[in-house]
């Protein structure tokens, strides 16, 4: 039986997808400078990614 989808990973990937969709449509955002919405979406992505990666690291360090 396959594992259930990882909700934290899904949230992290959805945040990335949402940011990428915004970035593709926004004429203001660049990789170095983001509009207010772009910055908000990027920050949501990085917070989700950090949480996911921290949990992955803690799982690897647990015997």
C-alpha atoms as a PDB file:
ATOM      1  CA  UNK A   1       0.000   0.000   0.000  1.00  0.00           C
ATOM      2  CA  UNK A   2       1.541   3.391  -0.971  1.00  0.00           C
ATOM      3  CA  UNK A   3       2.140   6.052   1.648  1.00  0.00           C
ATOM      4  CA  UNK A   4      -0.448   8.785   2.021  1.00  0.00           C
ATOM      5  CA  UNK A   5       0.524  12.048   0.348  1.00  0.00           C
ATOM      6  CA  UNK A   6       2.667  14.244   2.567  1.00  0.00           C
ATOM      7  CA  UNK A   7       0.569  17.335   3.358  1.00  0.00           C
ATOM      8  CA  UNK A   8       3.600  19.483   4.194  1.00  0.00           C
ATOM      9  CA  UNK A   9       5.295  18.575   0.913  1.00  0.00           C
ATOM     10  CA  UNK A  10       2.080  19.270  -1.003  1.00  0.00           C
ATOM     11  CA  UNK A  11       1.748  22.677   0.668  1.00  0.00           C
ATOM     12  CA  UNK A  12       5.369  23.480  -0.213  1.00  0.00           C
ATOM     13  CA  UNK A  13       4.920  22.452  -3.852  1.00  0.00           C
ATOM     14  CA  UNK A  14       1.575  24.285  -4.152  1.00  0.00           C
ATOM     15  CA  UNK A  15       3.193  27.453  -2.802  1.00  0.00           C
ATOM     16  CA  UNK A  16       5.931  27.155  -5.424  1.00  0.00           C
ATOM     17  CA  UNK A  17       3.407  26.606  -8.194  1.00  0.00           C
ATOM     18  CA  UNK A  18       1.341  29.595  -7.056  1.00  0.00           C
ATOM     19  CA  UNK A  19       4.435  31.803  -7.046  1.00  0.00           C
ATOM     20  CA  UNK A  20       5.519  30.533 -10.474  1.00  0.00           C
ATOM     21  CA  UNK A  21       2.076  31.260 -11.924  1.00  0.00           C
ATOM     22  CA  UNK A  22       2.223  34.781 -10.502  1.00  0.00           C
ATOM     23  CA  UNK A  23       5.783  35.313 -11.744  1.00  0.00           C
ATOM     24  CA  UNK A  24       4.841  34.223 -15.265  1.00  0.00           C
ATOM     25  CA  UNK A  25       2.013  36.754 -15.428  1.00  0.00           C
ATOM     26  CA  UNK A  26       3.509  39.658 -13.458  1.00  0.00           C
ATOM     27  CA  UNK A  27       5.323  42.295 -15.481  1.00  0.00           C
ATOM     28  CA  UNK A  28       6.779  43.878 -12.333  1.00  0.00           C
ATOM     29  CA  UNK A  29       8.474  40.885 -10.682  1.00  0.00           C
ATOM     30  CA  UNK A  30      12.040  39.888 -11.446  1.00  0.00           C
ATOM     31  CA  UNK A  31      14.242  37.296  -9.767  1.00  0.00           C
ATOM     32  CA  UNK A  32      15.825  40.059  -7.682  1.00  0.00           C
ATOM     33  CA  UNK A  33      12.789  42.298  -7.075  1.00  0.00           C
ATOM     34  CA  UNK A  34       9.227  41.239  -6.430  1.00  0.00           C
ATOM     35  CA  UNK A  35       5.998  43.180  -6.317  1.00  0.00           C
ATOM     36  CA  UNK A  36       4.007  43.124  -3.068  1.00  0.00           C
ATOM     37  CA  UNK A  37       2.006  40.032  -4.106  1.00  0.00           C
ATOM     38  CA  UNK A  38       5.094  38.333  -5.517  1.00  0.00           C
ATOM     39  CA  UNK A  39       7.001  38.924  -2.273  1.00  0.00           C
ATOM     40  CA  UNK A  40       4.104  37.548  -0.229  1.00  0.00           C
ATOM     41  CA  UNK A  41       3.889  34.433  -2.408  1.00  0.00           C
ATOM     42  CA  UNK A  42       7.669  33.934  -2.402  1.00  0.00           C
ATOM     43  CA  UNK A  43       7.765  34.226   1.386  1.00  0.00           C
ATOM     44  CA  UNK A  44       4.945  31.685   1.712  1.00  0.00           C
ATOM     45  CA  UNK A  45       6.926  29.319  -0.519  1.00  0.00           C
ATOM     46  CA  UNK A  46      10.185  29.735   1.395  1.00  0.00           C
ATOM     47  CA  UNK A  47       8.475  29.270   4.793  1.00  0.00           C
ATOM     48  CA  UNK A  48       6.799  26.073   3.550  1.00  0.00           C
ATOM     49  CA  UNK A  49      10.042  24.818   2.036  1.00  0.00           C
ATOM     50  CA  UNK A  50      11.990  25.560   5.219  1.00  0.00           C
ATOM     51  CA  UNK A  51       9.412  23.692   7.331  1.00  0.00           C
ATOM     52  CA  UNK A  52       9.465  20.689   5.006  1.00  0.00           C
ATOM     53  CA  UNK A  53      13.267  20.532   4.836  1.00  0.00           C
ATOM     54  CA  UNK A  54      13.620  20.948   8.613  1.00  0.00           C
ATOM     55  CA  UNK A  55      11.269  18.045   9.150  1.00  0.00           C
ATOM     56  CA  UNK A  56      13.178  15.920   6.614  1.00  0.00           C
ATOM     57  CA  UNK A  57      16.463  16.680   8.391  1.00  0.00           C
ATOM     58  CA  UNK A  58      14.986  15.797  11.781  1.00  0.00           C
ATOM     59  CA  UNK A  59      13.662  12.502  10.445  1.00  0.00           C
ATOM     60  CA  UNK A  60      17.088  11.559   9.084  1.00  0.00           C
ATOM     61  CA  UNK A  61      18.738  12.324  12.419  1.00  0.00           C
ATOM     62  CA  UNK A  62      16.255  10.214  14.391  1.00  0.00           C
ATOM     63  CA  UNK A  63      17.395   6.629  14.988  1.00  0.00           C
END
